[in-house]
Amino acid sequence: MSLERSRSIPTIESNIFIGHQESRFALGKIAINNVVLNGYENEFNGAAQLRASTYLDKGFIGVEDLDANGTELDDNDYSRSVHFVMLERVEEDSSRACVVGNMRLIVKTQEDSTPLPLEGYRKDFFDENPIPIGGVEVSRLISLHENAYIQNSLKWPLFVAGQKYVDGHNLESVYGLTSPALTRLLKIQHIPISAMADAKYIEEINATKQPIRIDMAALKRLVKVVGDQGIDVMKDDFSYINISNVKKDKKQKLL
């Protein structure tokens, strides 16, 4: 295991790969609001550690923003969020896993219709264009791996999980706050997104970001064409995925 992995990617005790030693990766829904599903406390805490280390490294948060246990959680995590995690099996031990991906969906509901985080960060745009009830923000979307091709490939299963959850719960449009570079990359990778406003430096997170909207109908069609890798997020269980180390031919490569 590389030094980069041991420093930045949490390794946790997990039973997820017991009985599934043939699979290298697993993706699952681990918590809704502050309720951890199926005893996935280790997986939830590992995801929170990945979030904290990644955002600390990028300068989006400071040490003073960390919780006492070194993780990074906020009010939305406890009130209106759905949490997903991507795990990689530690090769020599199926009872341990590395946390290599994370995604949080924040849902604007009738019960909690306060502005989503990106609405607060970009009040200059959203004060006149509020996100409707049922709108969803993709947040804390992270893939981290010492192999650059695998790191990039891990994004697609996370997008699939988000699309299936939104579709399965009849939610509305999906939004995000991304850097201009990530916006361009996602478009190159054929993710159906559109920029809603120009990028702007946001002091609270020390980053230049722009709001985007994801065309979920188009993403659903794309999932049908590319394949969903057997991902099922309507059950409170993990889906098992294998991703190659080897980059595919450019004509075959979508993500």
Protein backbone atom coordinates (compact mmCIF):
# COMPACT_ATOMS: atom_id res chain seq x y z
CA MET A 1 0.00 0.00 0.00
CA SER A 2 1.38 3.40 -0.95
CA LEU A 3 2.30 6.15 1.48
CA GLU A 4 -0.33 8.35 -0.13
CA ARG A 5 -3.02 5.79 0.57
CA SER A 6 -1.99 5.16 4.17
CA ARG A 7 -2.09 8.90 4.84
CA SER A 8 -5.23 10.01 3.00
CA ILE A 9 -7.47 6.97 2.52
CA PRO A 10 -9.00 5.50 5.69
CA THR A 11 -8.77 1.78 6.32
CA ILE A 12 -11.59 0.37 8.44
CA GLU A 13 -12.78 -2.89 9.90
CA SER A 14 -15.71 -4.01 7.75
CA ASN A 15 -17.67 -7.20 7.08
CA ILE A 16 -18.82 -6.00 3.66
CA PHE A 17 -16.45 -8.26 1.69
CA ILE A 18 -16.83 -11.40 3.79
CA GLY A 19 -18.40 -13.89 1.39
CA HIS A 20 -17.58 -11.56 -1.53
CA GLN A 21 -13.82 -11.99 -1.74
CA GLU A 22 -14.06 -12.16 -5.54
CA SER A 23 -15.17 -8.51 -5.66
CA ARG A 24 -12.77 -5.62 -5.36
CA PHE A 25 -15.19 -2.71 -4.78
CA ALA A 26 -18.51 -2.29 -3.02
CA LEU A 27 -20.94 0.64 -3.08
CA GLY A 28 -23.71 1.10 -0.57
CA LYS A 29 -26.16 3.44 1.11
CA ILE A 30 -25.03 3.65 4.71
CA ALA A 31 -27.14 6.31 6.44
CA ILE A 32 -30.24 8.45 6.10
CA ASN A 33 -30.03 11.65 8.10
CA ASN A 34 -28.41 10.64 11.37
CA VAL A 35 -29.67 7.05 11.23
CA VAL A 36 -26.91 4.61 10.31
CA LEU A 37 -28.29 1.61 8.42
CA ASN A 38 -27.63 -2.06 9.18
CA GLY A 39 -24.89 -1.41 11.70
CA TYR A 40 -22.70 0.39 9.17
CA GLU A 41 -21.13 2.63 11.83
CA ASN A 42 -17.56 1.81 10.76
CA GLU A 43 -18.39 2.53 7.14
CA PHE A 44 -20.13 5.81 8.04
CA ASN A 45 -17.24 6.94 10.24
CA GLY A 46 -14.75 5.97 7.53
CA ALA A 47 -16.66 8.09 5.00
CA ALA A 48 -16.62 11.02 7.43
CA GLN A 49 -12.84 10.58 7.81
CA LEU A 50 -12.38 10.56 4.03
CA ARG A 51 -14.43 13.74 3.77
CA ALA A 52 -12.40 15.45 6.46
CA SER A 53 -8.97 14.51 5.10
CA THR A 54 -9.89 15.39 1.51
CA TYR A 55 -11.44 18.76 2.32
CA LEU A 56 -8.63 19.60 4.72
CA ASP A 57 -6.00 18.77 2.07
CA LYS A 58 -7.82 20.93 -0.50
CA GLY A 59 -8.13 23.85 1.90
CA PHE A 60 -11.95 23.86 1.85
CA ILE A 61 -12.01 23.55 5.64
CA GLY A 62 -9.54 24.27 8.43
CA VAL A 63 -8.51 22.21 11.43
CA GLU A 64 -10.91 24.31 13.50
CA ASP A 65 -13.81 22.94 11.41
CA LEU A 66 -13.12 19.33 12.38
CA ASP A 67 -15.18 17.50 14.98
CA ALA A 68 -13.52 16.21 18.14
CA ASN A 69 -12.91 12.80 16.52
CA GLY A 70 -11.28 14.35 13.45
CA THR A 71 -14.26 13.94 11.13
CA GLU A 72 -16.29 16.60 9.34
CA LEU A 73 -20.08 16.60 9.65
CA ASP A 74 -22.58 19.46 9.52
CA ASP A 75 -26.24 20.12 10.31
CA ASN A 76 -27.41 18.76 6.95
CA ASP A 77 -25.89 15.38 7.73
CA TYR A 78 -28.27 15.00 10.66
CA SER A 79 -31.45 16.38 9.11
CA ARG A 80 -31.95 15.72 5.39
CA SER A 81 -29.12 13.76 3.82
CA VAL A 82 -28.58 10.32 2.29
CA HIS A 83 -25.04 8.97 2.52
CA PHE A 84 -23.25 6.58 0.15
CA VAL A 85 -19.76 5.09 0.39
CA MET A 86 -17.43 3.23 -1.96
CA LEU A 87 -15.14 0.63 -0.40
CA GLU A 88 -12.15 -1.28 -1.77
CA ARG A 89 -11.29 -4.67 -0.31
CA VAL A 90 -7.90 -4.90 1.36
CA GLU A 91 -6.42 -7.69 -0.72
CA GLU A 92 -4.92 -9.75 2.06
CA ASP A 93 -7.83 -9.44 4.49
CA SER A 94 -11.53 -9.48 3.58
CA SER A 95 -12.47 -8.12 7.01
CA ARG A 96 -10.85 -4.76 6.24
CA ALA A 97 -11.64 -2.19 3.58
CA CYS A 98 -10.30 1.11 2.29
CA VAL A 99 -12.75 4.00 1.95
CA VAL A 100 -12.16 5.31 -1.59
CA GLY A 101 -15.39 7.14 -2.40
CA ASN A 102 -18.19 9.10 -0.81
CA MET A 103 -21.34 10.94 -1.84
CA ARG A 104 -24.02 12.84 0.05
CA LEU A 105 -27.42 13.82 -1.34
CA ILE A 106 -29.15 16.69 0.47
CA VAL A 107 -32.90 16.84 -0.18
CA LYS A 108 -35.05 19.95 0.17
CA THR A 109 -38.29 18.71 1.76
CA GLN A 110 -41.60 20.10 2.94
CA GLU A 111 -40.41 19.46 6.49
CA ASP A 112 -37.11 21.27 5.90
CA SER A 113 -37.39 23.75 3.05
CA THR A 114 -34.49 25.94 4.14
CA PRO A 115 -32.05 26.76 1.33
CA LEU A 116 -29.66 24.01 0.30
CA PRO A 117 -25.97 24.75 1.00
CA LEU A 118 -25.22 25.83 -2.58
CA GLU A 119 -28.14 28.28 -2.41
CA GLY A 120 -26.51 29.87 0.60
CA TYR A 121 -23.09 30.02 -1.05
CA ARG A 122 -24.50 31.57 -4.24
CA LYS A 123 -27.26 33.82 -2.94
CA ASP A 124 -26.47 36.18 -5.83
CA PHE A 125 -28.09 33.64 -8.15
CA PHE A 126 -30.45 31.52 -6.06
CA ASP A 127 -32.27 34.35 -4.25
CA GLU A 128 -34.10 34.91 -7.53
CA ASN A 129 -33.94 31.28 -8.67
CA PRO A 130 -34.69 29.15 -5.59
CA ILE A 131 -34.46 25.36 -5.81
CA PRO A 132 -37.95 23.82 -5.49
CA ILE A 133 -39.16 21.36 -2.88
CA GLY A 134 -37.87 17.94 -3.90
CA GLY A 135 -34.68 19.42 -5.30
CA VAL A 136 -31.45 17.61 -4.46
CA GLU A 137 -27.89 18.78 -3.99
CA VAL A 138 -25.02 16.40 -4.72
CA SER A 139 -22.44 17.15 -2.06
CA ARG A 140 -19.15 15.72 -0.73
CA LEU A 141 -18.68 13.74 -3.95
CA ILE A 142 -15.21 12.23 -3.54
CA SER A 143 -13.24 9.51 -5.30
CA LEU A 144 -9.68 8.93 -4.14
CA HIS A 145 -7.27 6.26 -5.29
CA GLU A 146 -3.52 6.02 -5.95
CA ASN A 147 -4.33 4.73 -9.46
CA ALA A 148 -5.55 7.77 -11.43
CA TYR A 149 -7.61 5.70 -13.87
CA ILE A 150 -9.41 3.87 -11.06
CA GLN A 151 -9.97 7.14 -9.21
CA ASN A 152 -11.67 8.56 -12.29
CA SER A 153 -13.65 5.35 -12.90
CA LEU A 154 -15.10 5.38 -9.37
CA LYS A 155 -17.14 8.49 -10.21
CA TRP A 156 -19.49 6.61 -12.52
CA PRO A 157 -20.85 4.15 -9.93
CA LEU A 158 -21.48 7.09 -7.60
CA PHE A 159 -23.42 8.90 -10.33
CA VAL A 160 -25.40 5.72 -10.99
CA ALA A 161 -26.26 5.43 -7.29
CA GLY A 162 -27.45 9.04 -7.21
CA GLN A 163 -29.55 8.65 -10.34
CA LYS A 164 -31.20 5.49 -9.07
CA TYR A 165 -31.96 6.98 -5.65
CA VAL A 166 -33.45 10.17 -7.11
CA ASP A 167 -35.50 8.23 -9.65
CA GLY A 168 -36.65 5.66 -7.10
CA HIS A 169 -37.90 8.36 -4.71
CA ASN A 170 -39.50 10.58 -7.38
CA LEU A 171 -37.34 13.54 -6.45
CA GLU A 172 -36.87 16.65 -8.57
CA SER A 173 -33.89 18.26 -10.27
CA VAL A 174 -30.36 17.68 -9.00
CA TYR A 175 -27.77 20.39 -8.49
CA GLY A 176 -24.16 20.72 -7.49
CA LEU A 177 -21.42 23.25 -6.85
CA THR A 178 -18.31 22.46 -8.87
CA SER A 179 -15.05 24.04 -9.93
CA PRO A 180 -14.86 25.17 -13.57
CA ALA A 181 -12.27 22.44 -14.19
CA LEU A 182 -14.60 19.72 -12.85
CA THR A 183 -17.51 21.15 -14.85
CA ARG A 184 -15.44 20.85 -18.02
CA LEU A 185 -14.27 17.34 -17.11
CA LEU A 186 -17.80 16.08 -16.45
CA LYS A 187 -18.96 17.45 -19.79
CA ILE A 188 -16.03 15.74 -21.54
CA GLN A 189 -17.12 12.51 -19.83
CA HIS A 190 -20.65 13.02 -21.21
CA ILE A 191 -22.32 13.61 -17.83
CA PRO A 192 -25.39 15.73 -18.77
CA ILE A 193 -24.76 18.88 -16.75
CA SER A 194 -25.24 22.56 -17.48
CA ALA A 195 -23.73 25.56 -15.72
CA MET A 196 -26.37 27.79 -14.15
CA ALA A 197 -24.10 30.77 -13.46
CA ASP A 198 -20.51 31.86 -13.82
CA ALA A 199 -17.91 30.65 -11.35
CA LYS A 200 -17.27 32.83 -8.32
CA TYR A 201 -14.82 32.69 -5.43
CA ILE A 202 -16.62 31.60 -2.23
CA GLU A 203 -14.77 32.74 0.83
CA GLU A 204 -16.48 30.31 3.23
CA ILE A 205 -14.97 27.30 1.45
CA ASN A 206 -11.88 29.00 0.00
CA ALA A 207 -12.69 27.86 -3.55
CA THR A 208 -13.97 29.09 -6.90
CA LYS A 209 -17.18 27.26 -7.76
CA GLN A 210 -20.19 27.49 -10.04
CA PRO A 211 -23.68 26.03 -9.65
CA ILE A 212 -24.62 23.28 -12.08
CA ARG A 213 -27.78 21.36 -12.84
CA ILE A 214 -27.82 17.67 -13.81
CA ASP A 215 -30.32 16.56 -16.44
CA MET A 216 -31.60 13.46 -14.65
CA ALA A 217 -33.72 12.20 -17.56
CA ALA A 218 -30.62 12.27 -19.78
CA LEU A 219 -28.51 10.66 -17.06
CA LYS A 220 -31.08 7.87 -16.72
CA ARG A 221 -30.86 7.22 -20.46
CA LEU A 222 -27.07 7.22 -20.23
CA VAL A 223 -27.14 4.68 -17.41
CA LYS A 224 -29.28 2.39 -19.57
CA VAL A 225 -26.80 2.67 -22.45
CA VAL A 226 -23.56 2.38 -20.47
CA GLY A 227 -24.85 -0.05 -17.83
CA ASP A 228 -25.51 0.26 -14.13
CA GLN A 229 -22.93 -2.36 -13.01
CA GLY A 230 -25.69 -4.08 -11.01
CA ILE A 231 -25.99 -1.18 -8.57
CA ASP A 232 -29.18 -1.27 -6.51
CA VAL A 233 -29.59 1.50 -3.94
CA MET A 234 -33.24 0.84 -3.16
CA LYS A 235 -32.14 -1.95 -0.86
CA ASP A 236 -30.20 -1.19 2.31
CA ASP A 237 -27.29 -3.35 1.22
CA PHE A 238 -24.08 -3.08 -0.79
CA SER A 239 -23.62 -3.70 -4.50
CA TYR A 240 -20.37 -5.33 -5.59
CA ILE A 241 -18.33 -3.92 -8.47
CA ASN A 242 -15.10 -4.76 -10.23
CA ILE A 243 -13.12 -2.01 -11.96
CA SER A 244 -10.08 -2.79 -14.07
CA ASN A 245 -6.66 -1.25 -13.49
CA VAL A 246 -6.24 -0.99 -17.26
CA LYS A 247 -7.46 1.98 -19.27
CA LYS A 248 -9.82 0.92 -22.06
CA ASP A 249 -9.57 1.87 -25.69
CA LYS A 250 -10.61 5.50 -26.20
CA LYS A 251 -13.51 4.48 -28.42
CA GLN A 252 -14.91 2.32 -25.61
CA LYS A 253 -14.11 4.65 -22.72
CA LEU A 254 -16.93 6.89 -21.49
CA LEU A 255 -15.73 7.60 -17.97
